[in-house]
Protein backbone atom coordinates (compact mmCIF):
# COMPACT_ATOMS: atom_id res chain seq x y z
CA MET A 1 1.23 -35.28 31.11
CA ALA A 2 3.95 -36.36 28.66
CA THR A 3 7.58 -36.14 29.70
CA ILE A 4 10.76 -35.73 27.69
CA ARG A 5 11.37 -39.47 28.20
CA ASP A 6 8.04 -40.25 26.50
CA VAL A 7 9.07 -38.15 23.48
CA ALA A 8 12.50 -39.84 23.36
CA LYS A 9 10.96 -43.33 23.57
CA LYS A 10 8.47 -42.73 20.74
CA ALA A 11 11.14 -41.07 18.56
CA GLY A 12 13.63 -43.85 19.24
CA VAL A 13 16.35 -41.44 20.33
CA SER A 14 18.02 -40.46 23.61
CA VAL A 15 16.66 -37.86 26.03
CA THR A 16 19.75 -35.75 25.27
CA THR A 17 18.94 -35.75 21.56
CA VAL A 18 15.36 -34.62 22.27
CA SER A 19 16.62 -31.83 24.53
CA ARG A 20 19.16 -30.63 21.99
CA ALA A 21 16.65 -30.80 19.14
CA LEU A 22 14.02 -28.76 20.98
CA ASN A 23 16.59 -26.20 22.17
CA GLY A 24 17.89 -25.49 18.68
CA TYR A 25 21.36 -27.06 18.83
CA SER A 26 22.94 -27.32 15.38
CA ASP A 27 24.40 -30.81 15.86
CA VAL A 28 20.97 -32.45 15.46
CA ASN A 29 20.00 -33.59 11.96
CA GLU A 30 17.20 -31.35 10.62
CA LYS A 31 15.01 -34.33 9.64
CA THR A 32 15.41 -35.77 13.15
CA ARG A 33 14.65 -32.39 14.70
CA GLU A 34 11.39 -32.03 12.76
CA ARG A 35 10.31 -35.59 13.65
CA ILE A 36 11.00 -34.91 17.37
CA LYS A 37 9.05 -31.64 17.21
CA GLN A 38 6.11 -33.41 15.55
CA ILE A 39 6.08 -36.15 18.21
CA ALA A 40 6.30 -33.51 20.96
CA ARG A 41 3.24 -31.80 19.48
CA GLU A 42 1.34 -35.09 19.19
CA LEU A 43 2.05 -35.90 22.85
CA SER A 44 1.33 -32.30 23.95
CA TYR A 45 4.78 -32.19 25.53
CA SER A 46 5.65 -28.86 27.17
CA PRO A 47 9.24 -28.38 28.33
CA ASN A 48 9.91 -27.45 31.93
CA LEU A 49 11.09 -23.86 31.47
CA LEU A 50 12.63 -23.66 34.94
CA ALA A 51 14.62 -26.87 34.44
CA ARG A 52 15.69 -25.74 30.97
CA SER A 53 16.86 -22.37 32.29
CA LEU A 54 18.96 -24.10 34.96
CA VAL A 55 20.61 -26.36 32.37
CA MET A 56 21.20 -23.66 29.75
CA LYS A 57 21.83 -20.89 32.32
CA LYS A 58 19.40 -18.79 30.30
CA THR A 59 15.81 -17.86 31.13
CA LYS A 60 14.80 -16.72 27.62
CA THR A 61 12.91 -13.98 29.44
CA ILE A 62 13.07 -10.25 28.76
CA GLY A 63 11.55 -7.41 30.73
CA LEU A 64 9.64 -4.36 29.57
CA LEU A 65 10.42 -1.87 32.32
CA VAL A 66 7.99 1.05 32.21
CA SER A 67 8.57 4.16 34.30
CA GLY A 68 5.64 6.40 35.20
CA LEU A 69 2.79 4.07 34.22
CA ARG A 70 -0.32 6.06 35.09
CA ILE A 71 -4.02 6.07 34.22
CA GLU A 72 -3.60 9.57 32.72
CA GLY A 73 -1.59 8.00 29.92
CA SER A 74 -4.34 5.57 28.90
CA LYS A 75 -5.84 7.96 26.36
CA ASP A 76 -2.78 8.06 24.13
CA ASN A 77 -2.17 4.25 24.31
CA PHE A 78 1.60 4.80 23.92
CA THR A 79 2.72 2.17 26.44
CA PHE A 80 0.04 -0.31 25.33
CA GLU A 81 1.09 -0.12 21.67
CA VAL A 82 4.79 -0.48 22.55
CA LEU A 83 3.88 -3.44 24.80
CA CYS A 84 1.97 -5.13 21.96
CA GLY A 85 4.97 -4.74 19.65
CA VAL A 86 7.34 -6.18 22.26
CA ASN A 87 4.98 -9.01 23.19
CA ASP A 88 4.28 -10.11 19.60
CA CYS A 89 7.92 -9.99 18.55
CA ALA A 90 9.21 -11.67 21.72
CA GLY A 91 6.72 -14.53 21.24
CA ASP A 92 7.78 -14.98 17.62
CA LEU A 93 11.42 -15.15 18.68
CA GLY A 94 10.78 -17.66 21.50
CA TYR A 95 11.15 -15.30 24.47
CA GLU A 96 8.92 -14.82 27.49
CA LEU A 97 7.98 -11.25 28.48
CA VAL A 98 7.71 -9.76 31.96
CA LEU A 99 6.11 -6.32 32.46
CA ILE A 100 7.79 -4.35 35.26
CA SER A 101 6.52 -1.00 36.53
CA THR A 102 8.66 1.59 38.27
CA ASP A 103 8.79 5.32 39.02
CA SER A 104 11.30 7.85 40.35
CA LYS A 105 10.52 6.97 43.99
CA LYS A 106 10.79 3.18 43.51
CA GLN A 107 14.11 3.65 41.72
CA GLN A 108 15.59 5.09 44.90
CA GLU A 109 14.49 2.05 46.93
CA LYS A 110 15.87 -0.73 44.71
CA THR A 111 18.75 -0.70 42.22
CA TYR A 112 18.27 -1.54 38.56
CA ASN A 113 20.51 -4.62 38.84
CA GLN A 114 18.59 -5.89 41.89
CA LEU A 115 15.27 -5.52 40.07
CA CYS A 116 16.51 -7.41 37.00
CA LYS A 117 17.93 -10.26 39.11
CA GLU A 118 14.73 -10.58 41.13
CA ARG A 119 12.65 -10.82 37.95
CA LYS A 120 15.17 -13.21 36.35
CA VAL A 121 15.30 -11.28 33.08
CA GLU A 122 18.23 -11.64 30.70
CA GLY A 123 17.69 -8.23 29.14
CA VAL A 124 15.44 -5.19 29.42
CA ILE A 125 13.55 -2.76 27.20
CA LEU A 126 13.16 0.50 29.09
CA GLN A 127 10.39 2.99 28.33
CA GLY A 128 9.25 6.23 29.97
CA ILE A 129 12.52 7.04 31.75
CA LYS A 130 13.30 10.70 32.51
CA THR A 131 16.68 12.39 32.18
CA ASP A 132 16.92 12.79 35.96
CA ASP A 133 15.72 9.28 36.92
CA PRO A 134 18.28 7.24 38.96
CA TYR A 135 17.95 4.22 36.66
CA LEU A 136 19.29 5.99 33.57
CA ASP A 137 22.82 6.24 34.95
CA GLU A 138 22.58 2.71 36.43
CA VAL A 139 21.47 1.25 33.09
CA LEU A 140 24.39 2.81 31.23
CA LYS A 141 26.86 1.37 33.78
CA SER A 142 25.21 -2.08 34.01
CA ASP A 143 26.33 -5.11 31.97
CA ILE A 144 22.70 -6.27 31.58
CA PRO A 145 21.70 -5.85 27.90
CA CYS A 146 19.16 -3.06 27.54
CA ILE A 147 17.38 -1.18 24.76
CA LEU A 148 16.13 2.31 25.62
CA ILE A 149 13.00 3.64 23.93
CA ASP A 150 13.22 7.33 22.98
CA ILE A 151 16.55 7.86 24.76
CA PRO A 152 19.35 8.12 22.18
CA MET A 153 22.21 6.83 24.34
CA GLU A 154 24.57 3.89 23.93
CA SER A 155 27.11 1.99 25.98
CA GLU A 156 28.73 -1.43 25.62
CA SER A 157 25.53 -3.18 26.69
CA VAL A 158 22.93 -0.50 25.86
CA GLY A 159 21.26 0.51 22.61
CA TYR A 160 18.14 2.45 21.68
CA VAL A 161 15.14 2.78 19.38
CA THR A 162 13.53 6.13 18.76
CA THR A 163 11.49 8.15 16.28
CA ASP A 164 13.07 11.00 14.31
CA ASN A 165 11.54 13.56 16.67
CA LYS A 166 13.49 16.55 15.33
CA MET A 167 12.44 15.94 11.74
CA GLY A 168 8.85 15.20 12.79
CA ALA A 169 8.61 18.49 14.68
CA GLN A 170 10.30 20.36 11.83
CA THR A 171 7.78 18.95 9.34
CA ALA A 172 4.87 20.01 11.57
CA VAL A 173 6.10 23.59 11.97
CA GLU A 174 7.02 23.93 8.29
CA HIS A 175 3.46 22.87 7.44
CA LEU A 176 2.27 25.88 9.48
CA THR A 177 4.77 28.29 7.88
CA LYS A 178 3.65 27.19 4.40
CA LEU A 179 0.12 28.17 5.41
CA GLY A 180 1.40 31.68 6.11
CA HIS A 181 1.65 31.53 9.91
CA ARG A 182 4.43 33.71 11.35
CA ASN A 183 3.60 33.70 15.07
CA ILE A 184 3.75 30.03 15.99
CA GLY A 185 3.66 28.90 19.63
CA MET A 186 4.63 25.53 21.05
CA VAL A 187 3.13 23.45 23.84
CA ASN A 188 6.00 21.14 24.80
CA GLY A 189 6.08 18.22 27.28
CA HIS A 190 8.65 18.70 30.04
CA SER A 191 12.39 19.30 30.23
CA GLN A 192 13.14 15.82 31.67
CA ALA A 193 11.96 14.08 28.48
CA PHE A 194 14.41 13.52 25.64
CA VAL A 195 11.58 13.72 23.09
CA SER A 196 10.67 17.18 24.41
CA GLN A 197 14.22 18.39 23.92
CA GLU A 198 14.34 17.02 20.38
CA ARG A 199 10.90 18.30 19.35
CA LEU A 200 11.81 21.75 20.67
CA GLU A 201 14.98 21.65 18.61
CA GLY A 202 12.98 20.67 15.52
CA TYR A 203 10.57 23.57 16.17
CA GLN A 204 13.48 26.01 16.44
CA GLN A 205 15.16 24.65 13.30
CA ALA A 206 11.95 25.04 11.28
CA LEU A 207 11.53 28.65 12.41
CA GLU A 208 15.13 29.48 11.53
CA LYS A 209 14.89 27.72 8.16
CA ASN A 210 11.86 29.84 7.28
CA GLY A 211 13.30 33.17 8.44
CA LEU A 212 11.35 33.40 11.70
CA VAL A 213 12.89 34.48 14.99
CA PHE A 214 12.57 32.06 17.92
CA ASN A 215 10.68 33.60 20.85
CA GLY A 216 11.15 31.71 24.13
CA ASN A 217 7.95 33.28 25.48
CA TYR A 218 5.98 31.40 22.85
CA VAL A 219 6.98 28.02 24.37
CA VAL A 220 5.16 26.52 27.37
CA ASP A 221 5.29 23.07 29.01
CA GLY A 222 2.12 20.99 29.22
CA ALA A 223 3.69 17.93 30.94
CA PHE A 224 2.16 15.63 28.28
CA LEU A 225 -1.19 16.01 30.10
CA GLU A 226 -4.44 17.22 28.53
CA GLU A 227 -5.59 19.33 31.50
CA THR A 228 -2.18 20.95 32.03
CA ALA A 229 -1.95 21.76 28.33
CA GLU A 230 -5.39 23.39 28.44
CA GLN A 231 -4.30 25.68 31.27
CA VAL A 232 -0.93 26.70 29.81
CA THR A 233 -2.50 27.27 26.38
CA THR A 234 -5.09 29.60 27.91
CA ASP A 235 -2.32 31.59 29.61
CA LEU A 236 -0.18 31.64 26.45
CA LEU A 237 -2.96 32.88 24.17
CA GLN A 238 -4.05 35.53 26.68
CA GLU A 239 -0.51 36.85 26.96
CA HIS A 240 0.21 36.58 23.23
CA PRO A 241 -3.01 37.10 21.23
CA GLU A 242 -0.90 37.51 18.08
CA ILE A 243 -0.25 33.74 17.99
CA THR A 244 -2.17 32.19 15.08
CA ALA A 245 -0.82 28.62 15.25
CA LEU A 246 0.37 26.08 17.80
CA PHE A 247 2.63 23.04 17.54
CA CYS A 248 1.89 20.63 20.40
CA ALA A 249 4.46 17.94 21.28
CA SER A 250 1.70 15.34 21.75
CA ASP A 251 -1.84 14.82 20.47
CA LEU A 252 -3.15 14.64 24.02
CA MET A 253 -1.80 18.13 24.74
CA ALA A 254 -3.19 19.32 21.39
CA MET A 255 -6.65 18.25 22.55
CA GLY A 256 -6.19 20.32 25.70
CA ALA A 257 -5.12 23.25 23.52
CA ILE A 258 -8.21 22.84 21.30
CA ARG A 259 -10.46 22.91 24.37
CA ALA A 260 -8.70 26.04 25.69
CA ALA A 261 -9.08 27.86 22.38
CA LYS A 262 -12.78 26.98 22.14
CA LYS A 263 -13.43 28.22 25.69
CA MET A 264 -11.79 31.50 24.71
CA GLY A 265 -14.28 31.84 21.84
CA LYS A 266 -11.84 31.06 19.05
CA THR A 267 -12.98 29.31 15.88
CA LEU A 268 -10.68 26.49 14.79
CA PRO A 269 -8.84 26.45 12.47
CA ASP A 270 -9.72 29.99 11.22
CA ASP A 271 -8.57 31.78 14.38
CA LEU A 272 -6.00 29.22 15.48
CA SER A 273 -4.34 26.30 13.65
CA ILE A 274 -3.10 23.40 15.79
CA VAL A 275 -0.77 20.50 14.97
CA GLY A 276 -0.13 17.53 17.28
CA PHE A 277 2.40 14.70 17.46
CA ASP A 278 1.74 10.92 17.75
CA ASN A 279 -1.38 10.26 15.64
CA ILE A 280 -3.27 8.60 18.48
CA ILE A 281 -6.65 7.07 17.63
CA LEU A 282 -8.58 10.01 19.10
CA SER A 283 -6.81 12.52 16.83
CA ALA A 284 -8.97 11.50 13.87
CA TYR A 285 -12.21 11.85 15.85
CA CYS A 286 -11.84 15.11 17.80
CA THR A 287 -13.43 18.32 16.47
CA PRO A 288 -11.80 19.58 14.36
CA SER A 289 -9.87 16.43 13.45
CA LEU A 290 -6.22 16.92 14.26
CA SER A 291 -3.36 17.44 11.81
CA THR A 292 -0.49 15.51 13.35
CA VAL A 293 2.88 13.81 13.04
CA ALA A 294 2.42 10.03 13.00
CA GLN A 295 4.90 7.73 14.70
CA ASP A 296 4.61 3.93 14.82
CA ARG A 297 4.60 3.00 18.52
CA TYR A 298 3.97 -0.70 17.79
CA GLN A 299 7.05 -0.78 15.56
CA LEU A 300 9.11 0.89 18.30
CA GLY A 301 8.35 -2.18 20.44
CA VAL A 302 9.14 -4.61 17.62
CA GLU A 303 12.46 -2.98 16.73
CA ALA A 304 13.48 -2.73 20.40
CA THR A 305 12.84 -6.46 20.83
CA ILE A 306 14.82 -7.38 17.71
CA LEU A 307 17.80 -5.31 18.86
CA LEU A 308 17.67 -6.72 22.40
CA THR A 309 17.40 -10.37 21.37
CA ASN A 310 20.23 -9.86 18.87
CA MET A 311 22.38 -8.58 21.74
CA LEU A 312 21.40 -11.56 23.91
CA GLU A 313 22.38 -13.95 21.14
CA GLY A 314 25.75 -12.31 20.53
CA ASN A 315 24.87 -10.30 17.43
CA LEU A 316 26.21 -6.83 18.31
CA ALA A 317 26.47 -5.47 14.76
CA LYS A 318 23.72 -2.91 15.32
CA LYS A 319 22.44 -1.42 18.57
CA SER A 320 20.23 1.46 17.46
CA LYS A 321 17.34 2.24 15.14
CA VAL A 322 15.62 5.52 14.22
CA LEU A 323 12.10 5.30 12.76
CA HIS A 324 10.67 7.83 10.32
CA THR A 325 7.52 9.88 10.84
CA ASP A 326 4.65 10.78 8.50
CA PHE A 327 2.69 14.04 8.47
CA ILE A 328 -1.09 13.71 8.37
CA LYS A 329 -3.10 16.76 7.30
CA ARG A 330 -6.59 16.99 8.78
CA GLU A 331 -9.02 19.78 9.67
CA SER A 332 -7.19 21.60 12.50
CA THR A 333 -4.88 23.62 10.24
CA THR A 334 -5.64 26.20 7.54
CA GLU A 335 -4.14 29.30 5.90
CA ASN A 336 -3.51 32.32 8.07
CA HIS A 337 -6.09 34.98 7.18
CA SER A 338 -5.02 37.62 9.73
């Protein structure tokens, strides 16, 4: 296996010059740098990352810390798509990625700072955190650079990337009002999720904008789970048969709502129109196909990585990014005929 000395000998330069060329130092002539890189490739030279991190006091490693990683979430692919965005972008920018899993219980056993030091990460992208999780407060007080996904909070070392959840929800509900629906229910996620709070606000704003009175009894929580959403939708429609349309805060919950409506003998979308949120792959293939609000989960991961690496490299000009949504009309919504 080739060493840095082999590269230096063939290039006719010092070991220090090779090191500085491969680590991006600006005091190396660009022509020399390219020649050294070419020789390194020819010799299949791979730098010792551990040794390099000790010299530079940087690991060039970031962590994707996911809270609440469960098999139930595999259907919507949210974490996987964010992970792909982070992984691809980190690789392009020359960073290694470590996936770290946690939950509310683990967060009480080990502090956020301890976890980051153990994993030797320079910065963290945090996804799936709840408003009442211990790590949220620790992250905001820590000096470890961090980008939160779907948590619009900032501190000196913390930024965020999110989707415009309010506007997405508002667009979904306004689609239903334009179809003539006046009694519109909502299957939300849970109160500990920032996206739930924002999508509820968007739902309320759309009702108000279209002259409809908000009815708290029309809103139920489905915990972002298909089975839970099926149960709460059944209860909601039994208690309020006047409801002709539902806005669900995730596609997965919308699928539970569709199943509940069918079991109750309702014809979709004639008896009940349903809109989801996310545009997961399954939304185009369920029956009826689901009208939904599309958000780009892959891009969430990309943008989070760009912001984090900018922070790590001293570029603090921008620490947040809000992505737009698109509304996709499919078969699950139609005009209200009642």
